[in-house]
N, C-alpha and C. Protein backbone atom coordinates (compact mmCIF):
# COMPACT_ATOMS: atom_id res chain seq x y z
N UNK A 1 -7.08 -6.57 25.36
CA UNK A 1 -7.49 -6.56 26.40
C UNK A 1 -8.50 -7.32 26.88
N UNK A 2 -8.74 -7.34 28.35
CA UNK A 2 -10.55 -8.26 28.08
C UNK A 2 -10.76 -6.93 29.60
N UNK A 3 -12.24 -6.40 29.26
CA UNK A 3 -12.94 -5.87 29.95
C UNK A 3 -14.03 -6.83 30.84
N UNK A 4 -14.04 -6.86 32.45
CA UNK A 4 -14.76 -7.51 33.15
C UNK A 4 -15.02 -8.76 32.71
N UNK A 5 -14.30 -9.47 32.08
CA UNK A 5 -13.70 -11.18 32.02
C UNK A 5 -14.79 -11.43 30.74
N UNK A 6 -15.58 -10.12 30.26
CA UNK A 6 -16.13 -10.59 28.39
C UNK A 6 -15.26 -10.58 27.42
N UNK A 7 -15.90 -10.06 26.62
CA UNK A 7 -15.47 -9.74 25.20
C UNK A 7 -14.21 -8.80 25.07
N UNK A 8 -13.30 -9.19 24.30
CA UNK A 8 -12.24 -8.51 24.53
C UNK A 8 -11.91 -7.35 23.11
N UNK A 9 -11.11 -6.45 23.47
CA UNK A 9 -11.36 -5.28 22.86
C UNK A 9 -9.94 -4.81 22.86
N UNK A 10 -9.40 -4.20 21.18
CA UNK A 10 -8.27 -3.68 21.14
C UNK A 10 -8.18 -2.60 21.31
N UNK A 11 -6.78 -2.31 21.42
CA UNK A 11 -6.34 -0.89 21.97
C UNK A 11 -7.63 0.49 21.99
N UNK A 12 -7.67 0.38 20.87
CA UNK A 12 -8.71 1.40 20.07
C UNK A 12 -10.03 1.40 20.81
N UNK A 13 -10.32 0.28 21.14
CA UNK A 13 -11.88 0.03 21.55
C UNK A 13 -12.26 -0.90 20.55
N UNK A 14 -12.14 -0.99 19.38
CA UNK A 14 -12.90 -1.78 18.74
C UNK A 14 -12.46 -3.85 18.90
N UNK A 15 -13.50 -4.12 18.51
CA UNK A 15 -13.52 -5.88 19.13
C UNK A 15 -12.49 -6.46 17.74
N UNK A 16 -12.11 -7.97 18.28
CA UNK A 16 -11.44 -8.23 17.29
C UNK A 16 -11.77 -8.45 15.91
N UNK A 17 -13.14 -8.42 15.25
CA UNK A 17 -13.44 -8.77 14.09
C UNK A 17 -14.21 -7.22 13.20
N UNK A 18 -13.85 -6.00 14.41
CA UNK A 18 -14.66 -5.29 13.76
C UNK A 18 -13.14 -4.24 12.98
N UNK A 19 -13.49 -4.08 11.75
CA UNK A 19 -12.60 -3.33 11.15
C UNK A 19 -12.51 -1.69 11.15
N UNK A 20 -11.19 -1.43 10.92
CA UNK A 20 -10.97 0.02 11.06
C UNK A 20 -11.62 1.02 9.64
N UNK A 21 -12.24 1.54 9.71
CA UNK A 21 -12.92 2.36 8.74
C UNK A 21 -11.91 2.57 7.44
N UNK A 22 -12.55 2.15 6.51
CA UNK A 22 -11.38 1.82 5.06
C UNK A 22 -12.40 3.20 4.06
N UNK A 23 -11.33 3.81 3.34
CA UNK A 23 -11.45 5.06 2.27
C UNK A 23 -10.82 4.58 1.28
N UNK A 24 -10.90 4.90 0.16
CA UNK A 24 -10.57 4.83 -1.29
C UNK A 24 -10.28 6.42 -1.68
N UNK A 25 -9.56 6.76 -2.33
CA UNK A 25 -9.39 7.94 -3.62
C UNK A 25 -8.98 7.57 -4.41
N UNK A 26 -9.65 7.54 -5.69
CA UNK A 26 -9.07 7.60 -7.24
C UNK A 26 -8.31 8.73 -7.53
N UNK A 27 -7.27 8.77 -8.86
CA UNK A 27 -6.95 9.70 -9.09
C UNK A 27 -6.40 10.27 -8.60
N UNK A 28 -5.51 10.53 -7.29
CA UNK A 28 -4.67 11.54 -6.80
C UNK A 28 -3.47 11.71 -7.22
N UNK A 29 -2.81 10.69 -8.38
CA UNK A 29 -1.58 11.70 -8.70
C UNK A 29 -1.75 12.07 -10.36
N UNK A 30 -1.63 12.93 -10.46
CA UNK A 30 -2.01 14.04 -12.32
C UNK A 30 -0.98 12.85 -13.27
N UNK A 31 -0.28 12.35 -12.81
CA UNK A 31 0.40 11.93 -14.24
C UNK A 31 0.74 10.34 -14.15
N UNK A 32 -0.32 9.61 -13.05
CA UNK A 32 -0.37 8.27 -13.57
C UNK A 32 -1.21 8.23 -14.33
N UNK A 33 -1.27 6.57 -15.08
CA UNK A 33 -2.12 6.16 -15.89
C UNK A 33 -3.34 6.20 -14.85
N UNK A 34 -3.07 5.48 -13.84
CA UNK A 34 -4.34 5.19 -12.69
C UNK A 34 -3.67 5.21 -11.48
N UNK A 35 -4.58 5.89 -10.31
CA UNK A 35 -3.61 5.63 -9.22
C UNK A 35 -4.79 6.14 -8.06
N UNK A 36 -4.41 5.49 -6.70
CA UNK A 36 -5.39 5.61 -5.58
C UNK A 36 -5.07 5.97 -4.41
N UNK A 37 -5.23 6.67 -3.48
CA UNK A 37 -5.15 6.63 -1.85
C UNK A 37 -6.05 5.92 -1.57
N UNK A 38 -5.30 4.56 -0.60
CA UNK A 38 -6.57 3.92 0.27
C UNK A 38 -6.02 4.24 1.86
N UNK A 39 -6.84 4.41 2.46
CA UNK A 39 -6.77 4.53 3.81
C UNK A 39 -7.57 3.25 4.81
N UNK A 40 -6.80 3.34 5.76
CA UNK A 40 -7.21 2.20 6.76
C UNK A 40 -6.94 2.52 8.11
N UNK A 41 -7.91 2.98 8.85
CA UNK A 41 -7.15 3.49 10.28
C UNK A 41 -5.68 4.63 9.86
N UNK A 42 -4.63 4.28 10.58
CA UNK A 42 -3.40 5.36 10.54
C UNK A 42 -2.97 4.56 9.26
N UNK A 43 -2.98 3.53 8.77
CA UNK A 43 -2.40 2.90 7.48
C UNK A 43 -2.79 3.76 6.56
N UNK A 44 -2.10 4.22 5.27
CA UNK A 44 -2.56 5.13 4.20
C UNK A 44 -1.41 4.40 3.17
N UNK A 45 -1.96 4.05 1.97
CA UNK A 45 -1.15 3.36 1.25
C UNK A 45 -2.08 3.92 -0.44
N UNK A 46 -0.46 4.61 -1.12
CA UNK A 46 -0.45 4.79 -2.14
C UNK A 46 -0.07 4.04 -3.16
N UNK A 47 -1.07 4.08 -4.10
CA UNK A 47 -1.08 2.88 -5.28
C UNK A 47 -0.92 3.43 -6.52
N UNK A 48 0.13 3.52 -7.69
CA UNK A 48 -0.13 4.27 -9.24
C UNK A 48 0.22 3.18 -9.78
N UNK A 49 -0.27 3.52 -11.15
CA UNK A 49 0.31 2.46 -12.22
C UNK A 49 0.73 3.13 -13.52
N UNK A 50 1.62 2.83 -13.94
CA UNK A 50 2.16 3.45 -15.28
C UNK A 50 2.15 2.52 -16.61
N UNK A 51 1.78 2.83 -17.69
CA UNK A 51 1.62 1.77 -19.11
C UNK A 51 2.90 2.22 -19.64
N UNK A 52 4.00 1.08 -20.21
CA UNK A 52 4.78 1.49 -21.27
C UNK A 52 4.63 0.46 -22.25
N UNK A 53 5.01 1.04 -23.48
CA UNK A 53 4.29 0.33 -24.78
C UNK A 53 5.56 -0.36 -25.14
N UNK A 54 6.66 -1.42 -24.47
CA UNK A 54 7.48 -2.15 -24.60
C UNK A 54 7.43 -3.26 -23.73
N UNK A 55 8.14 -4.67 -23.99
CA UNK A 55 8.16 -5.20 -22.95
C UNK A 55 10.22 -5.85 -23.50
N UNK A 56 10.54 -6.97 -22.31
CA UNK A 56 11.95 -7.30 -22.36
C UNK A 56 12.14 -7.95 -23.78
N UNK A 57 13.43 -8.07 -24.20
CA UNK A 57 13.98 -9.14 -25.72
C UNK A 57 13.17 -10.22 -25.25
N UNK A 58 13.69 -11.00 -23.98
CA UNK A 58 13.12 -12.57 -24.28
C UNK A 58 11.75 -12.56 -24.03
N UNK A 59 10.94 -11.78 -24.04
CA UNK A 59 9.14 -12.05 -24.59
C UNK A 59 8.64 -11.43 -25.76
N UNK A 60 9.73 -11.21 -26.62
CA UNK A 60 9.20 -10.36 -28.16
C UNK A 60 8.86 -11.14 -28.71
N UNK A 61 7.61 -11.18 -29.63
CA UNK A 61 6.55 -11.97 -30.56
C UNK A 61 6.10 -13.49 -30.18
N UNK A 62 5.93 -13.34 -28.28
CA UNK A 62 5.47 -14.37 -27.48
C UNK A 62 3.99 -14.23 -27.43
N UNK A 63 3.28 -12.75 -27.92
CA UNK A 63 2.35 -12.52 -27.44
C UNK A 63 2.13 -12.09 -25.84
N UNK A 64 2.78 -11.99 -24.86
CA UNK A 64 2.74 -11.67 -23.59
C UNK A 64 3.31 -10.43 -23.36
N UNK A 65 3.08 -10.07 -22.04
CA UNK A 65 3.35 -8.75 -21.36
C UNK A 65 4.56 -8.74 -20.20
N UNK A 66 4.38 -7.92 -19.13
CA UNK A 66 5.08 -8.05 -18.19
C UNK A 66 4.32 -7.13 -17.31
N UNK A 67 4.52 -7.48 -15.87
CA UNK A 67 3.96 -6.81 -15.13
C UNK A 67 5.28 -6.81 -13.84
N UNK A 68 5.52 -5.47 -12.98
CA UNK A 68 6.39 -5.39 -12.12
C UNK A 68 5.40 -4.63 -11.15
N UNK A 69 6.22 -4.91 -9.47
CA UNK A 69 5.97 -3.86 -8.74
C UNK A 69 6.89 -3.77 -7.88
N UNK A 70 6.99 -2.04 -7.31
CA UNK A 70 7.82 -1.53 -6.17
C UNK A 70 6.76 -1.62 -5.20
N UNK A 71 7.52 -1.52 -3.88
CA UNK A 71 6.91 -1.06 -2.56
C UNK A 71 8.28 -0.33 -1.76
N UNK A 72 7.95 0.75 -1.10
CA UNK A 72 8.61 1.10 -0.17
C UNK A 72 8.10 2.01 0.98
N UNK A 73 8.33 1.87 2.27
CA UNK A 73 8.18 2.97 2.88
C UNK A 73 9.04 3.74 3.66
N UNK A 74 8.04 5.14 3.72
CA UNK A 74 8.79 6.23 4.04
C UNK A 74 9.29 6.20 5.26
N UNK A 75 10.46 6.71 5.57
CA UNK A 75 11.23 7.17 6.86
C UNK A 75 10.59 6.91 8.26
N UNK A 76 9.56 7.51 8.19
CA UNK A 76 9.07 7.94 8.81
C UNK A 76 7.27 7.16 9.11
N UNK A 77 7.43 6.38 8.28
CA UNK A 77 6.10 5.26 8.87
C UNK A 77 6.16 4.44 9.73
N UNK A 78 6.71 4.11 10.29
CA UNK A 78 6.86 3.37 11.59
C UNK A 78 7.46 3.97 12.79
N UNK A 79 7.39 3.84 13.91
CA UNK A 79 7.50 3.83 15.30
C UNK A 79 9.37 4.58 15.28
N UNK A 80 9.91 3.69 14.63
CA UNK A 80 11.69 3.36 14.16
C UNK A 80 11.85 3.37 12.88
N UNK A 81 12.93 4.64 12.84
CA UNK A 81 12.83 5.34 11.46
C UNK A 81 13.77 4.14 10.77
N UNK A 82 12.76 3.78 9.13
CA UNK A 82 13.52 3.06 8.65
C UNK A 82 14.83 3.96 7.22
N UNK A 83 15.46 3.26 6.84
CA UNK A 83 16.26 3.95 6.05
C UNK A 83 15.93 4.23 4.51
N UNK A 84 16.01 5.14 3.99
CA UNK A 84 15.55 5.15 2.49
C UNK A 84 16.35 3.78 1.53
N UNK A 85 15.77 3.46 0.59
CA UNK A 85 16.20 2.58 -0.52
C UNK A 85 17.03 3.13 -1.08
N UNK A 86 16.61 4.17 -1.49
CA UNK A 86 18.09 5.12 -2.22
C UNK A 86 19.07 5.57 -1.47
N UNK A 87 19.66 5.53 -0.19
CA UNK A 87 20.76 5.64 0.21
C UNK A 87 21.52 4.55 0.58
N UNK A 88 21.01 3.20 0.35
CA UNK A 88 21.39 2.14 0.51
C UNK A 88 22.62 1.51 -0.47
N UNK A 89 22.74 2.31 -2.00
CA UNK A 89 23.42 2.12 -2.75
C UNK A 89 22.89 0.62 -3.62
């Protein structure tokens, strides 16, 4: 939106180049090897790491490892309810 023909502002009053406040809280999950909660405005992201002492068969003996990632949004994370992955089959 534009106010008086001058600088543009976002709906919450911030200028286009102004970031939302950011915070990080470490070690938020008791059983994860490492975890953090990142907050940026109304966006909250939970990150967790686990470590397993094993590798896929095709990498054995090659001196390399394996990293995977998972992503999921809770059903109420957006204005339109999303379906949980576990119910998709």
